[in-house]
């Protein structure tokens, strides 16, 4: 939905929603991918999936993580719409490989495991991270680096919110020179 489109990713508790809300407060166009259109589906085909039966809560959390996706065609259509000078897509999806190359830049909000756990522990039990098993999964994911999209600009999400957003906006400025 922008002439320039940016993806803001990070683990649960890194601050994606908080950053998105601050960007909106500052007048920027934001797509809350996790809130607006994420669903559980096949990361390759996009087909919606029903929750299977699980042997453990750990298996359930891992399955949910692996199947949290965005509708590829909708994301592509939003990126193709040039109705805003800048659009920020905030959230995470396990099928980002189908559309990540369409973004002008990708940002990853980073925080240490203790900060992530503290933030998640403050969530209600019905929001991801509010349960100990979900925090444990997030800690394992943090340690493994398996959520890392690669060529992203890393942003220290433990800094004050204004500094985090300022760093993102500074990196979005067109490069001069030639």
C-alpha atoms as a PDB file:
ATOM      1  CA  UNK A   1       0.000   0.000   0.000  1.00  0.00           C
ATOM      2  CA  UNK A   2       2.956   2.257  -0.311  1.00  0.00           C
ATOM      3  CA  UNK A   3       5.360   3.644  -2.801  1.00  0.00           C
ATOM      4  CA  UNK A   4       7.894   2.194  -0.364  1.00  0.00           C
ATOM      5  CA  UNK A   5       7.017  -0.841   1.755  1.00  0.00           C
ATOM      6  CA  UNK A   6       8.803  -2.075   4.854  1.00  0.00           C
ATOM      7  CA  UNK A   7       8.437  -5.236   6.900  1.00  0.00           C
ATOM      8  CA  UNK A   8       9.010  -5.127  10.659  1.00  0.00           C
ATOM      9  CA  UNK A   9       9.601  -8.570  12.152  1.00  0.00           C
ATOM     10  CA  UNK A  10      10.865  -9.998  15.412  1.00  0.00           C
ATOM     11  CA  UNK A  11      10.124 -12.635  17.983  1.00  0.00           C
ATOM     12  CA  UNK A  12       7.090 -12.478  20.210  1.00  0.00           C
ATOM     13  CA  UNK A  13       7.673  -9.763  22.752  1.00  0.00           C
ATOM     14  CA  UNK A  14      10.165  -7.836  20.625  1.00  0.00           C
ATOM     15  CA  UNK A  15       7.763  -4.918  20.262  1.00  0.00           C
ATOM     16  CA  UNK A  16       6.276  -5.202  16.768  1.00  0.00           C
ATOM     17  CA  UNK A  17       2.807  -4.106  17.818  1.00  0.00           C
ATOM     18  CA  UNK A  18       4.118  -1.315  20.027  1.00  0.00           C
ATOM     19  CA  UNK A  19       6.308  -0.006  17.195  1.00  0.00           C
ATOM     20  CA  UNK A  20       3.384  -0.286  14.759  1.00  0.00           C
ATOM     21  CA  UNK A  21       1.164   1.740  17.072  1.00  0.00           C
ATOM     22  CA  UNK A  22       3.849   4.412  17.452  1.00  0.00           C
ATOM     23  CA  UNK A  23       4.323   4.607  13.690  1.00  0.00           C
ATOM     24  CA  UNK A  24       0.560   5.082  13.338  1.00  0.00           C
ATOM     25  CA  UNK A  25       0.579   7.737  16.043  1.00  0.00           C
ATOM     26  CA  UNK A  26       3.202   9.567  13.991  1.00  0.00           C
ATOM     27  CA  UNK A  27       0.932   9.457  10.951  1.00  0.00           C
ATOM     28  CA  UNK A  28       2.363   6.535   9.000  1.00  0.00           C
ATOM     29  CA  UNK A  29       0.340   3.874   7.249  1.00  0.00           C
ATOM     30  CA  UNK A  30       0.635   0.532   9.069  1.00  0.00           C
ATOM     31  CA  UNK A  31      -0.620  -2.940   8.251  1.00  0.00           C
ATOM     32  CA  UNK A  32      -0.881  -5.080  11.391  1.00  0.00           C
ATOM     33  CA  UNK A  33      -0.335  -8.412   9.661  1.00  0.00           C
ATOM     34  CA  UNK A  34      -0.839 -10.523  12.766  1.00  0.00           C
ATOM     35  CA  UNK A  35      -4.026  -8.718  13.742  1.00  0.00           C
ATOM     36  CA  UNK A  36      -5.515  -7.986  10.339  1.00  0.00           C
ATOM     37  CA  UNK A  37      -5.090 -11.144   8.331  1.00  0.00           C
ATOM     38  CA  UNK A  38      -2.851 -13.851   9.791  1.00  0.00           C
ATOM     39  CA  UNK A  39      -4.259 -17.349  10.074  1.00  0.00           C
ATOM     40  CA  UNK A  40      -3.119 -20.948  10.561  1.00  0.00           C
ATOM     41  CA  UNK A  41      -2.361 -22.563   7.242  1.00  0.00           C
ATOM     42  CA  UNK A  42       0.075 -24.430   5.056  1.00  0.00           C
ATOM     43  CA  UNK A  43       3.124 -22.175   4.537  1.00  0.00           C
ATOM     44  CA  UNK A  44       3.607 -23.445   0.968  1.00  0.00           C
ATOM     45  CA  UNK A  45       0.072 -23.573  -0.392  1.00  0.00           C
ATOM     46  CA  UNK A  46      -1.690 -21.092   1.882  1.00  0.00           C
ATOM     47  CA  UNK A  47      -4.516 -23.559   2.494  1.00  0.00           C
ATOM     48  CA  UNK A  48      -6.172 -22.944   5.880  1.00  0.00           C
ATOM     49  CA  UNK A  49      -5.597 -25.743   8.365  1.00  0.00           C
ATOM     50  CA  UNK A  50      -7.568 -27.031  11.317  1.00  0.00           C
ATOM     51  CA  UNK A  51      -5.726 -27.669  14.554  1.00  0.00           C
ATOM     52  CA  UNK A  52      -4.786 -31.347  14.848  1.00  0.00           C
ATOM     53  CA  UNK A  53      -4.716 -33.235  18.135  1.00  0.00           C
ATOM     54  CA  UNK A  54      -1.441 -32.919  20.042  1.00  0.00           C
ATOM     55  CA  UNK A  55       0.438 -35.135  22.464  1.00  0.00           C
ATOM     56  CA  UNK A  56       1.755 -32.144  24.396  1.00  0.00           C
ATOM     57  CA  UNK A  57       1.403 -28.392  24.808  1.00  0.00           C
ATOM     58  CA  UNK A  58       4.938 -28.059  23.410  1.00  0.00           C
ATOM     59  CA  UNK A  59       3.831 -29.766  20.185  1.00  0.00           C
ATOM     60  CA  UNK A  60       0.785 -27.497  19.977  1.00  0.00           C
ATOM     61  CA  UNK A  61       2.850 -24.313  20.377  1.00  0.00           C
ATOM     62  CA  UNK A  62       5.419 -25.472  17.805  1.00  0.00           C
ATOM     63  CA  UNK A  63       2.702 -26.388  15.304  1.00  0.00           C
ATOM     64  CA  UNK A  64       1.000 -23.018  15.765  1.00  0.00           C
ATOM     65  CA  UNK A  65       4.264 -21.192  15.171  1.00  0.00           C
ATOM     66  CA  UNK A  66       5.106 -23.178  12.019  1.00  0.00           C
ATOM     67  CA  UNK A  67       1.652 -22.577  10.527  1.00  0.00           C
ATOM     68  CA  UNK A  68       1.089 -18.879  11.342  1.00  0.00           C
ATOM     69  CA  UNK A  69       0.906 -17.363   7.851  1.00  0.00           C
ATOM     70  CA  UNK A  70      -0.282 -14.371   5.882  1.00  0.00           C
ATOM     71  CA  UNK A  71      -2.371 -14.553   2.690  1.00  0.00           C
ATOM     72  CA  UNK A  72       0.283 -14.146  -0.014  1.00  0.00           C
ATOM     73  CA  UNK A  73      -1.943 -12.658  -2.695  1.00  0.00           C
ATOM     74  CA  UNK A  74      -3.381 -10.121  -0.259  1.00  0.00           C
ATOM     75  CA  UNK A  75       0.104  -9.082   0.866  1.00  0.00           C
ATOM     76  CA  UNK A  76       1.214  -8.731  -2.761  1.00  0.00           C
ATOM     77  CA  UNK A  77      -1.873  -6.649  -3.593  1.00  0.00           C
ATOM     78  CA  UNK A  78      -1.255  -4.346  -0.641  1.00  0.00           C
ATOM     79  CA  UNK A  79       2.374  -3.889  -1.671  1.00  0.00           C
ATOM     80  CA  UNK A  80       1.324  -3.133  -5.275  1.00  0.00           C
ATOM     81  CA  UNK A  81      -1.138  -0.421  -4.161  1.00  0.00           C
ATOM     82  CA  UNK A  82       0.761   2.877  -4.281  1.00  0.00           C
ATOM     83  CA  UNK A  83      -1.838   4.840  -2.307  1.00  0.00           C
ATOM     84  CA  UNK A  84       0.568   5.794   0.514  1.00  0.00           C
ATOM     85  CA  UNK A  85       4.111   7.155   0.339  1.00  0.00           C
ATOM     86  CA  UNK A  86       5.261   4.598   2.926  1.00  0.00           C
ATOM     87  CA  UNK A  87       3.629   1.486   4.382  1.00  0.00           C
ATOM     88  CA  UNK A  88       4.897  -0.574   7.279  1.00  0.00           C
ATOM     89  CA  UNK A  89       3.843  -4.212   7.583  1.00  0.00           C
ATOM     90  CA  UNK A  90       4.297  -5.385  11.172  1.00  0.00           C
ATOM     91  CA  UNK A  91       4.173  -8.967  12.350  1.00  0.00           C
ATOM     92  CA  UNK A  92       5.528 -12.363  11.528  1.00  0.00           C
ATOM     93  CA  UNK A  93       4.603 -15.154   9.179  1.00  0.00           C
ATOM     94  CA  UNK A  94       6.105 -18.494   8.343  1.00  0.00           C
ATOM     95  CA  UNK A  95       5.399 -18.025   4.637  1.00  0.00           C
ATOM     96  CA  UNK A  96       7.265 -14.738   4.272  1.00  0.00           C
ATOM     97  CA  UNK A  97       9.582 -16.396   1.759  1.00  0.00           C
ATOM     98  CA  UNK A  98       6.753 -15.943  -0.764  1.00  0.00           C
ATOM     99  CA  UNK A  99       6.786 -12.145  -0.483  1.00  0.00           C
ATOM    100  CA  UNK A 100       9.766 -10.868   1.531  1.00  0.00           C
ATOM    101  CA  UNK A 101      11.696  -9.856  -1.598  1.00  0.00           C
ATOM    102  CA  UNK A 102       8.929  -7.363  -2.460  1.00  0.00           C
ATOM    103  CA  UNK A 103       9.763  -5.157   0.526  1.00  0.00           C
ATOM    104  CA  UNK A 104      12.153  -2.243   0.175  1.00  0.00           C
ATOM    105  CA  UNK A 105      13.705  -3.154   3.497  1.00  0.00           C
ATOM    106  CA  UNK A 106      13.127  -5.612   6.310  1.00  0.00           C
ATOM    107  CA  UNK A 107      13.697  -4.740   9.942  1.00  0.00           C
ATOM    108  CA  UNK A 108      14.102  -7.186  12.795  1.00  0.00           C
ATOM    109  CA  UNK A 109      13.416  -5.969  16.298  1.00  0.00           C
ATOM    110  CA  UNK A 110      15.907  -7.645  18.615  1.00  0.00           C
ATOM    111  CA  UNK A 111      15.912  -8.059  22.372  1.00  0.00           C
ATOM    112  CA  UNK A 112      17.655 -10.353  24.794  1.00  0.00           C
ATOM    113  CA  UNK A 113      15.823 -13.427  26.085  1.00  0.00           C
ATOM    114  CA  UNK A 114      15.260 -11.926  29.551  1.00  0.00           C
ATOM    115  CA  UNK A 115      13.569  -8.848  28.072  1.00  0.00           C
ATOM    116  CA  UNK A 116      11.398 -10.965  25.788  1.00  0.00           C
ATOM    117  CA  UNK A 117      10.364 -13.202  28.700  1.00  0.00           C
ATOM    118  CA  UNK A 118       9.575 -10.232  30.929  1.00  0.00           C
ATOM    119  CA  UNK A 119       7.398  -8.655  28.246  1.00  0.00           C
ATOM    120  CA  UNK A 120       5.609 -11.899  27.449  1.00  0.00           C
ATOM    121  CA  UNK A 121       4.995 -12.706  31.118  1.00  0.00           C
ATOM    122  CA  UNK A 122       3.007  -9.462  31.359  1.00  0.00           C
ATOM    123  CA  UNK A 123       0.556 -10.675  28.704  1.00  0.00           C
ATOM    124  CA  UNK A 124      -2.757 -12.319  29.527  1.00  0.00           C
ATOM    125  CA  UNK A 125      -2.846 -16.117  29.209  1.00  0.00           C
ATOM    126  CA  UNK A 126      -5.003 -15.925  26.050  1.00  0.00           C
ATOM    127  CA  UNK A 127      -2.370 -13.893  24.155  1.00  0.00           C
ATOM    128  CA  UNK A 128       0.690 -15.699  22.790  1.00  0.00           C
ATOM    129  CA  UNK A 129       3.464 -15.651  25.354  1.00  0.00           C
ATOM    130  CA  UNK A 130       1.113 -15.436  28.296  1.00  0.00           C
ATOM    131  CA  UNK A 131       1.692 -19.108  29.124  1.00  0.00           C
ATOM    132  CA  UNK A 132       4.999 -20.546  30.387  1.00  0.00           C
ATOM    133  CA  UNK A 133       5.114 -23.144  27.576  1.00  0.00           C
ATOM    134  CA  UNK A 134       4.883 -20.344  24.992  1.00  0.00           C
ATOM    135  CA  UNK A 135       7.634 -18.341  26.679  1.00  0.00           C
ATOM    136  CA  UNK A 136       9.837 -21.443  26.761  1.00  0.00           C
ATOM    137  CA  UNK A 137       9.241 -21.957  23.032  1.00  0.00           C
ATOM    138  CA  UNK A 138      10.095 -18.313  22.327  1.00  0.00           C
ATOM    139  CA  UNK A 139      13.295 -18.664  24.372  1.00  0.00           C
ATOM    140  CA  UNK A 140      14.323 -21.722  22.318  1.00  0.00           C
ATOM    141  CA  UNK A 141      13.542 -19.859  19.109  1.00  0.00           C
ATOM    142  CA  UNK A 142      15.629 -16.895  20.307  1.00  0.00           C
ATOM    143  CA  UNK A 143      18.576 -19.163  21.082  1.00  0.00           C
ATOM    144  CA  UNK A 144      18.351 -20.987  17.740  1.00  0.00           C
ATOM    145  CA  UNK A 145      17.999 -17.930  15.513  1.00  0.00           C
ATOM    146  CA  UNK A 146      15.516 -19.895  13.383  1.00  0.00           C
ATOM    147  CA  UNK A 147      13.185 -16.891  13.065  1.00  0.00           C
ATOM    148  CA  UNK A 148      15.863 -14.720  11.439  1.00  0.00           C
ATOM    149  CA  UNK A 149      14.863 -13.525   7.960  1.00  0.00           C
ATOM    150  CA  UNK A 150      18.448 -12.894   6.932  1.00  0.00           C
ATOM    151  CA  UNK A 151      19.340  -9.628   5.198  1.00  0.00           C
ATOM    152  CA  UNK A 152      17.397  -7.522   7.681  1.00  0.00           C
ATOM    153  CA  UNK A 153      18.342  -4.319   9.410  1.00  0.00           C
ATOM    154  CA  UNK A 154      18.605  -5.121  13.081  1.00  0.00           C
ATOM    155  CA  UNK A 155      17.057  -2.704  15.542  1.00  0.00           C
ATOM    156  CA  UNK A 156      17.730  -2.796  19.288  1.00  0.00           C
ATOM    157  CA  UNK A 157      14.209  -3.136  20.648  1.00  0.00           C
ATOM    158  CA  UNK A 158      15.388  -2.657  24.229  1.00  0.00           C
ATOM    159  CA  UNK A 159      16.009   1.032  23.514  1.00  0.00           C
ATOM    160  CA  UNK A 160      13.271   3.552  24.329  1.00  0.00           C
ATOM    161  CA  UNK A 161      10.339   3.314  21.925  1.00  0.00           C
ATOM    162  CA  UNK A 162      10.983   6.734  20.387  1.00  0.00           C
ATOM    163  CA  UNK A 163      14.581   5.727  19.622  1.00  0.00           C
ATOM    164  CA  UNK A 164      13.488   2.417  18.080  1.00  0.00           C
ATOM    165  CA  UNK A 165      11.004   4.140  15.776  1.00  0.00           C
ATOM    166  CA  UNK A 166      13.474   6.930  14.942  1.00  0.00           C
ATOM    167  CA  UNK A 167      16.062   4.305  13.927  1.00  0.00           C
ATOM    168  CA  UNK A 168      13.549   2.594  11.638  1.00  0.00           C
ATOM    169  CA  UNK A 169      12.459   5.862  10.050  1.00  0.00           C
ATOM    170  CA  UNK A 170      16.067   6.973   9.534  1.00  0.00           C
ATOM    171  CA  UNK A 171      16.800   3.737   7.683  1.00  0.00           C
ATOM    172  CA  UNK A 172      13.752   4.327   5.460  1.00  0.00           C
ATOM    173  CA  UNK A 173      15.094   7.588   4.044  1.00  0.00           C
ATOM    174  CA  UNK A 174      15.994   7.324   0.363  1.00  0.00           C
ATOM    175  CA  UNK A 175      19.716   7.128  -0.195  1.00  0.00           C
ATOM    176  CA  UNK A 176      21.197  10.135  -1.977  1.00  0.00           C
ATOM    177  CA  UNK A 177      24.145  10.109  -4.288  1.00  0.00           C
ATOM    178  CA  UNK A 178      24.725   8.242  -7.371  1.00  0.00           C
END
